Protein backbone atom coordinates (compact mmCIF):
# COMPACT_ATOMS: atom_id res chain seq x y z
CA MET A 1 150.09 59.25 120.82
CA ASN A 2 153.48 59.30 119.15
CA THR A 3 155.78 56.34 118.88
CA SER A 4 158.82 58.46 118.03
CA SER A 5 161.80 59.67 120.07
CA ASN A 6 164.79 61.99 119.93
CA THR A 7 168.46 60.99 120.07
CA SER A 8 169.49 64.59 120.59
CA SER A 9 167.47 64.78 123.80
CA THR A 10 169.27 64.19 127.08
CA THR A 11 166.00 63.49 128.87
CA ARG A 12 166.02 60.09 130.57
CA ARG A 13 162.88 58.14 131.24
CA ASN A 14 161.97 55.55 133.82
CA ARG A 15 159.65 53.23 131.98
CA PRO A 16 158.83 49.55 131.76
CA ALA A 17 160.85 47.57 129.25
CA GLY A 18 158.96 45.90 126.44
CA ARG A 19 158.80 45.17 122.74
CA ARG A 20 157.32 47.92 120.59
CA ARG A 21 155.24 47.03 117.56
CA HIS A 22 154.55 49.76 115.01
CA LEU A 23 151.32 49.64 113.09
CA VAL A 24 149.59 51.95 110.73
CA GLY A 25 150.73 55.21 109.16
CA GLY A 26 152.26 58.09 110.99
CA ALA A 27 153.45 59.20 114.33
CA ALA A 28 150.84 57.94 116.77
CA ALA A 29 150.73 54.41 118.12
CA LEU A 30 149.81 53.80 114.48
CA ALA A 31 153.28 54.39 113.27
CA SER A 32 154.73 52.40 110.41
CA VAL A 33 153.62 51.68 106.90
CA THR A 34 156.97 50.08 106.10
CA VAL A 35 155.51 46.76 107.28
CA LEU A 36 153.39 46.75 104.14
CA ALA A 37 155.95 48.15 101.70
CA GLY A 38 156.51 46.03 98.63
CA VAL A 39 153.33 43.96 98.86
CA PRO A 40 152.92 42.45 95.38
CA ALA A 41 149.87 43.30 93.33
CA ALA A 42 147.04 40.84 93.59
CA GLY A 43 143.87 40.65 91.56
CA ALA A 44 140.27 40.66 92.67
CA GLY A 45 139.32 37.83 94.97
CA GLY A 46 136.15 35.79 95.13
CA GLY A 47 132.86 36.74 96.68
CA GLY A 48 133.12 40.38 95.70
CA SER A 49 136.41 40.92 97.55
CA VAL A 50 139.34 42.87 96.15
CA VAL A 51 142.94 42.36 97.25
CA LEU A 52 144.85 45.64 97.10
CA PRO A 53 148.39 46.06 95.75
CA GLY A 54 149.75 48.06 98.68
CA PRO A 55 149.11 49.56 102.13
CA ALA A 56 145.56 50.77 102.74
CA PHE A 57 143.98 52.35 105.81
CA ASP A 58 140.51 53.61 104.84
CA ILE A 59 137.58 53.15 102.50
CA THR A 60 134.55 55.36 101.83
CA ALA A 61 131.29 54.75 99.96
CA THR A 62 130.24 57.38 97.44
CA PRO A 63 126.69 58.65 96.79
CA SER A 64 126.70 56.73 93.48
CA GLY A 65 127.31 53.44 95.27
CA SER A 66 130.97 52.85 94.47
CA VAL A 67 133.73 52.49 97.07
CA LEU A 68 136.91 54.57 97.18
CA VAL A 69 140.12 53.37 98.81
CA GLY A 70 143.49 54.91 99.54
CA VAL A 71 146.31 52.63 98.40
CA GLY A 72 149.58 54.09 99.59
CA GLY A 73 149.47 57.71 98.54
CA THR A 74 146.87 57.30 95.80
CA VAL A 75 143.07 57.27 95.85
CA HIS A 76 141.36 54.58 93.76
CA GLU A 77 137.80 53.64 92.90
CA ILE A 78 136.88 49.97 93.21
CA THR A 79 134.97 48.94 90.09
CA ARG A 80 133.72 45.63 88.69
CA SER A 81 136.84 45.47 86.51
CA GLY A 82 139.28 46.28 89.31
CA LEU A 83 140.93 49.39 90.70
CA VAL A 84 140.76 52.65 88.78
CA GLU A 85 143.15 55.37 89.90
CA ILE A 86 141.54 58.73 90.64
CA ALA A 87 144.51 60.83 91.76
CA GLU A 88 147.72 60.83 93.73
CA VAL A 89 147.85 62.68 97.05
CA PRO A 90 151.32 64.28 96.95
CA SER A 91 152.11 64.50 100.67
CA THR A 92 155.21 66.59 101.36
CA ALA A 93 156.69 63.68 103.33
CA GLY A 94 155.52 60.93 100.98
CA THR A 95 153.10 59.63 103.62
CA PRO A 96 150.06 57.50 102.78
CA VAL A 97 146.37 58.28 102.78
CA ASN A 98 145.03 57.56 106.27
CA GLY A 99 141.45 58.78 105.93
CA LEU A 100 138.75 59.34 103.31
CA ALA A 101 135.34 61.04 103.30
CA ALA A 102 133.52 60.90 99.96
CA ARG A 103 132.00 64.06 98.44
CA GLY A 104 130.73 62.66 95.14
CA ALA A 105 131.09 59.83 92.63
CA ARG A 106 134.84 60.33 92.13
CA SER A 107 135.45 63.08 94.64
CA THR A 108 136.61 62.81 98.23
CA PHE A 109 138.34 64.52 101.10
CA ALA A 110 141.53 62.72 102.13
CA ALA A 111 143.90 62.88 105.08
CA SER A 112 147.60 62.22 104.58
CA ALA A 113 149.55 60.80 107.51
CA GLY A 114 151.98 62.80 109.59
CA VAL A 115 155.37 61.49 110.68
CA ASN A 116 157.91 63.14 113.02
CA GLU A 117 156.62 66.57 114.11
CA GLY A 118 153.59 65.95 111.89
CA ALA A 119 155.52 66.22 108.61
CA GLY A 120 153.22 65.44 105.68
CA GLY A 121 150.04 65.76 107.72
CA ALA A 122 147.31 67.49 105.70
CA VAL A 123 143.72 67.33 104.49
CA TRP A 124 143.13 67.29 100.73
CA GLN A 125 140.36 67.56 98.17
CA VAL A 126 140.73 64.80 95.62
CA THR A 127 138.95 64.60 92.25
CA ALA A 128 139.68 62.96 88.92
CA GLY A 129 141.53 66.16 88.05
CA GLY A 130 144.05 65.76 90.86
CA ALA A 131 144.50 66.63 94.53
CA ARG A 132 144.90 69.98 96.24
CA THR A 133 145.72 70.78 99.84
CA ILE A 134 142.84 72.18 101.87
CA ALA A 135 144.57 72.42 105.25
CA ASP A 136 148.12 71.98 106.53
CA ILE A 137 147.53 70.02 109.74
CA GLN A 138 151.22 69.93 110.61
CA ALA A 139 151.30 73.74 110.64
CA TYR A 140 148.21 73.85 112.85
CA GLU A 141 149.72 71.40 115.33
CA LEU A 142 153.08 73.18 115.46
CA GLU A 143 151.31 76.45 116.22
CA HIS A 144 148.66 75.23 118.68
CA ASP A 145 149.71 71.83 120.13
CA PRO A 146 146.32 71.47 121.89
CA ASP A 147 146.99 68.40 124.08
CA VAL A 148 150.01 70.19 125.59
CA ARG A 149 148.70 73.76 125.76
CA LEU A 150 144.90 73.50 126.02
CA GLY A 151 142.31 71.58 128.01
CA ASP A 152 143.78 69.81 131.01
CA ARG A 153 147.34 70.15 129.64
CA TRP A 154 148.15 66.59 130.57
CA LYS A 155 150.98 65.91 128.11
CA HIS A 156 154.61 67.01 128.45
CA PRO A 157 156.42 67.34 125.08
CA ASP A 158 159.32 65.13 126.26
CA CYS A 159 156.85 62.28 126.77
CA GLU A 160 156.80 62.04 122.95
CA VAL A 161 160.50 61.14 122.76
CA LEU A 162 160.18 57.58 121.44
CA PRO A 163 161.73 55.47 118.63
CA LEU A 164 160.57 55.86 115.03
CA PRO A 165 159.93 52.77 112.87
CA ASP A 166 163.02 53.44 110.74
CA GLY A 167 165.31 53.21 113.78
CA THR A 168 165.85 56.95 114.15
CA ILE A 169 164.72 59.03 117.09
CA GLY A 170 161.96 61.58 116.75
CA SER A 171 161.47 64.97 118.29
CA PRO A 172 159.66 65.75 121.53
CA GLY A 173 156.51 67.17 119.99
CA PRO A 174 154.36 68.80 118.90
CA GLN A 175 153.21 65.70 117.03
CA SER A 176 150.36 65.14 114.60
CA ASN A 177 149.07 62.20 112.59
CA PRO A 178 145.83 62.94 110.68
CA TYR A 179 143.83 59.73 110.64
CA LYS A 180 140.15 59.10 109.92
CA LEU A 181 137.71 61.68 108.52
CA THR A 182 133.96 62.11 108.46
CA ARG A 183 132.02 64.60 106.38
CA VAL A 184 129.71 67.19 107.89
CA ALA A 185 126.96 68.87 105.87
CA GLY A 186 128.49 71.30 103.39
CA ASP A 187 132.23 71.57 102.83
CA GLU A 188 133.37 70.64 106.32
CA VAL A 189 135.02 67.47 107.54
CA LEU A 190 135.97 66.33 111.02
CA LEU A 191 139.41 64.84 111.53
CA ALA A 192 140.68 62.47 114.23
CA ASP A 193 144.32 63.40 114.85
CA ALA A 194 145.91 60.30 116.36
CA ALA A 195 149.21 61.81 117.48
CA GLY A 196 147.55 65.08 118.48
CA ASN A 197 144.88 63.34 120.62
CA THR A 198 142.35 65.76 119.16
CA VAL A 199 139.33 66.14 116.90
CA LEU A 200 139.56 69.01 114.42
CA SER A 201 137.07 70.71 112.11
CA VAL A 202 138.48 71.41 108.66
CA ARG A 203 136.65 73.48 106.06
CA GLN A 204 137.27 73.66 102.34
CA ASP A 205 138.48 77.26 102.67
CA GLY A 206 141.34 76.03 104.88
CA THR A 207 139.88 76.97 108.26
CA VAL A 208 140.98 74.58 111.02
CA GLU A 209 139.20 74.68 114.37
CA LEU A 210 139.62 72.58 117.51
CA VAL A 211 136.57 70.50 118.37
CA ALA A 212 137.95 68.54 121.33
CA VAL A 213 141.06 67.43 123.20
CA LEU A 214 140.89 63.92 124.68
CA ASP A 215 142.20 63.15 128.17
CA PRO A 216 144.10 59.92 128.98
CA PRO A 217 142.38 56.69 129.99
CA VAL A 218 141.62 56.45 133.71
CA ASP A 219 142.01 53.72 136.33
CA GLU A 220 139.37 52.40 138.72
CA ASN A 221 139.87 55.47 140.90
CA GLY A 222 139.40 57.92 138.05
CA ASN A 223 143.10 58.82 137.85
CA TRP A 224 144.94 59.09 134.53
CA ARG A 225 146.87 55.92 133.81
CA GLU A 226 150.60 56.61 134.07
CA LEU A 227 152.98 54.92 131.62
CA PHE A 228 156.38 56.15 132.84
CA THR A 229 158.05 59.18 134.44
CA LEU A 230 160.72 61.53 133.18
CA GLU A 231 163.93 61.86 135.16
CA ASP A 232 162.61 65.05 136.78
CA GLY A 233 159.52 63.20 138.01
CA THR A 234 157.13 64.45 135.32
CA PRO A 235 154.51 61.78 134.68
CA CYS A 236 153.84 60.53 131.16
CA TYR A 237 150.38 59.11 130.71
CA VAL A 238 148.83 56.48 128.46
CA GLN A 239 147.61 58.47 125.48
CA PRO A 240 144.03 58.30 124.18
CA VAL A 241 145.01 58.31 120.44
CA ALA A 242 141.96 59.56 118.51
CA THR A 243 141.59 57.30 115.49
CA ALA A 244 137.95 57.45 114.42
CA VAL A 245 135.18 60.02 114.12
CA ALA A 246 131.56 59.85 112.98
CA MET A 247 128.55 62.18 112.86
CA GLY A 248 125.60 60.75 114.72
CA PRO A 249 121.96 60.96 113.65
CA ASP A 250 121.45 63.13 116.76
CA GLY A 251 123.91 65.72 115.39
CA ALA A 252 126.56 64.80 117.95
CA VAL A 253 130.15 63.87 117.13
CA TYR A 254 131.37 60.42 118.16
CA VAL A 255 135.09 59.75 118.59
CA GLY A 256 136.90 56.44 119.03
CA GLU A 257 140.26 55.77 120.66
CA LEU A 258 143.01 53.26 119.99
CA THR A 259 144.81 54.10 123.30
CA GLY A 260 148.58 54.10 123.34
CA GLU A 261 151.09 51.76 124.86
CA PRO A 262 150.60 49.39 126.70
CA ALA A 263 147.38 48.89 124.66
CA VAL A 264 145.51 47.00 127.38
CA PRO A 265 142.18 45.49 126.24
CA GLY A 266 139.17 47.40 127.55
CA TRP A 267 140.85 50.79 127.88
CA SER A 268 139.45 52.34 124.69
CA ARG A 269 136.43 54.63 124.86
CA ILE A 270 133.95 56.12 122.41
CA TRP A 271 133.08 59.72 123.24
CA ARG A 272 129.97 61.75 122.45
CA ILE A 273 130.56 65.47 121.82
CA ASP A 274 127.50 67.71 121.93
CA PRO A 275 126.25 69.11 118.59
CA GLY A 276 128.10 72.28 117.64
CA ALA A 277 130.58 72.10 120.54
CA ARG A 278 134.03 73.56 119.91
CA GLY A 279 137.22 73.73 121.95
CA VAL A 280 136.03 71.26 124.59
CA THR A 281 137.86 68.74 126.74
CA CYS A 282 136.76 65.11 126.92
CA PRO A 283 135.43 64.54 129.55
CA SER A 284 133.49 67.74 130.29
CA ASP A 285 129.91 68.99 130.36
CA GLU A 286 129.90 68.87 126.56
CA CYS A 287 131.74 65.58 126.10
CA ALA A 288 131.05 62.26 127.80
CA VAL A 289 131.78 58.57 127.28
CA ALA A 290 129.06 56.90 125.21
CA VAL A 291 130.63 53.43 125.01
CA ASP A 292 133.29 52.17 127.42
CA GLY A 293 135.48 49.09 127.71
CA ARG A 294 136.43 48.76 124.03
CA THR A 295 139.83 47.82 122.61
CA SER A 296 141.98 49.35 119.85
CA VAL A 297 139.15 51.18 118.07
CA VAL A 298 140.17 52.27 114.55
CA ASP A 299 136.91 53.19 112.81
CA LEU A 300 133.33 54.31 113.45
CA GLU A 301 130.38 54.51 111.08
CA PHE A 302 126.67 54.82 111.72
CA ALA A 303 124.50 52.09 110.23
CA PRO A 304 121.15 52.87 108.57
CA ASP A 305 119.31 51.73 111.73
CA GLY A 306 121.10 54.39 113.81
CA ASP A 307 123.43 52.04 115.65
CA LEU A 308 127.16 52.70 115.61
CA LEU A 309 129.47 50.32 113.74
CA VAL A 310 132.79 49.96 115.57
CA VAL A 311 135.97 48.42 114.15
CA GLU A 312 138.51 47.04 116.61
CA LEU A 313 141.93 46.34 115.10
CA GLU A 314 142.89 43.55 117.52
CA GLN A 315 140.85 42.49 120.52
CA ALA A 316 143.99 41.50 122.44
CA GLY A 317 145.30 45.06 121.95
CA TRP A 318 147.30 46.40 119.00
CA LEU A 319 150.61 45.49 120.71
CA ALA A 320 149.72 41.80 120.85
CA GLY A 321 152.26 39.55 119.18
CA PRO A 322 151.35 36.59 116.94
CA GLU A 323 151.26 34.24 119.91
CA ASP A 324 148.71 36.41 121.73
CA ALA A 325 146.62 37.88 118.90
CA VAL A 326 143.00 36.78 118.64
CA GLY A 327 141.93 38.98 115.74
CA GLY A 328 139.94 42.14 115.33
CA ALA A 329 136.19 42.63 115.26
CA VAL A 330 133.31 44.67 113.92
CA LEU A 331 130.58 45.45 116.42
CA THR A 332 127.35 47.38 116.45
CA CYS A 333 126.77 49.56 119.51
CA ASP A 334 123.75 51.37 120.89
CA VAL A 335 125.09 54.79 121.85
CA GLU A 336 122.11 55.38 124.14
CA THR A 337 122.80 52.36 126.34
CA GLY A 338 126.49 51.75 125.59
CA GLY A 339 125.76 48.12 124.81
CA CYS A 340 127.48 46.36 121.90
CA ARG A 341 127.13 43.10 120.02
CA THR A 342 129.57 41.47 117.63
CA ILE A 343 128.92 41.23 113.90
CA GLU A 344 132.16 39.40 113.10
CA ASP A 345 135.28 38.68 115.12
CA GLY A 346 138.56 36.84 114.66
CA LEU A 347 139.27 39.18 111.74
CA PRO A 348 142.80 39.74 110.39
CA THR A 349 143.64 43.36 111.36
CA PRO A 350 140.50 45.14 110.13
CA ASN A 351 140.84 48.91 109.85
CA ALA A 352 137.74 50.46 108.25
CA VAL A 353 134.08 49.94 107.47
CA THR A 354 131.78 51.92 105.19
CA VAL A 355 128.07 51.78 104.38
CA GLY A 356 127.06 51.70 100.72
CA ARG A 357 124.13 53.50 99.13
CA HIS A 358 121.77 50.56 99.63
CA GLY A 359 122.97 49.71 103.14
CA GLN A 360 125.64 47.19 102.11
CA LEU A 361 128.57 47.12 104.52
CA TRP A 362 132.13 46.99 103.20
CA LEU A 363 135.15 46.06 105.30
CA LEU A 364 138.85 46.81 104.86
CA GLU A 365 140.93 44.14 106.59
CA ASN A 366 144.26 42.31 106.57
CA ILE A 367 146.16 45.61 106.59
CA LEU A 368 149.23 43.92 108.09
CA GLY A 369 149.00 40.81 105.95
CA ALA A 370 149.99 39.85 102.43
CA GLY A 371 147.61 42.33 100.86
CA PRO A 372 144.81 44.45 102.35
CA THR A 373 141.37 43.28 101.27
CA VAL A 374 138.06 45.06 100.75
CA ARG A 375 135.04 42.75 100.97
CA PRO A 376 131.33 42.76 101.74
CA LEU A 377 130.44 42.41 105.41
CA ASN A 378 127.31 40.75 106.72
CA ALA A 379 124.67 43.28 107.72
CA PRO A 380 124.07 43.66 111.47
């Protein structure tokens, strides 16, 4: 989903009025990092927690047991003495690091956010020697625009004409916002593209391949949920907004949704894509819902016991204002039965979880507060 619009467009929309709240980096419902700009540096907290000096959207555990974090546009390692900078990710649009997938002790794949028309969206290889672009995701989206041109072709480009966080109006698509990553065996990562509503395979040689296009959430009759209509009667649907991806122990790919405006609790799904499937639509014979009825999913990670860890940003929906917010949660879900249980709830805007070498869970939270925090999380 894209929360941008276009002042040059003459397209009029018939849509419900309402306050728009921009959240995390890029052009999907996760739109603005300006909320966190200028957060003062804070030192390490108690109990093994570390307060970060700027916006952060993902963490990843390395094979050596350390944890890497993207702070703004720079990747850091969290050490006993504090943060140690590894390298800057020089996005062409100055966008932050949205996703990480560790390769080694101080080596990781990283995704930089995309803003209007996907500007800045890319996947990188980051080491202590610097960062280099592996794949230009903006270019892929501009060429292919899968949720408009492929699958069920449910999205009209003019449905993307929405306000940007800086007060300007964006373009009507194609739109892309690379978000979370997960590593596949070898030099391949999978990418959840939030504004593109897709899952992509990205290889170190620069190859980008479509894994799946997600369809909109459905109502009780199985119909796509409509958000508003264009003046010509074209329907614009609630967007699925792919925000999280994980490789299951069964070899399948699991994908989590935030779901776009109006961000109603219970509309988010977690999909299971068959091992090796490419170019599929969700739902289809090769892609089905594994867990239903979730809310504002922003991260997935498999625990050592094979259950799926799920991070929900805000259980009242990511559009909830301070008077309505109840906090986010981390859950563990059985992907065979679809059942979930809560590990912790009432959390201040959690956004990522990672599993350390010895099974320790680490949580990134408070991403819209006075300093994102990385801390240990109780084991499920």
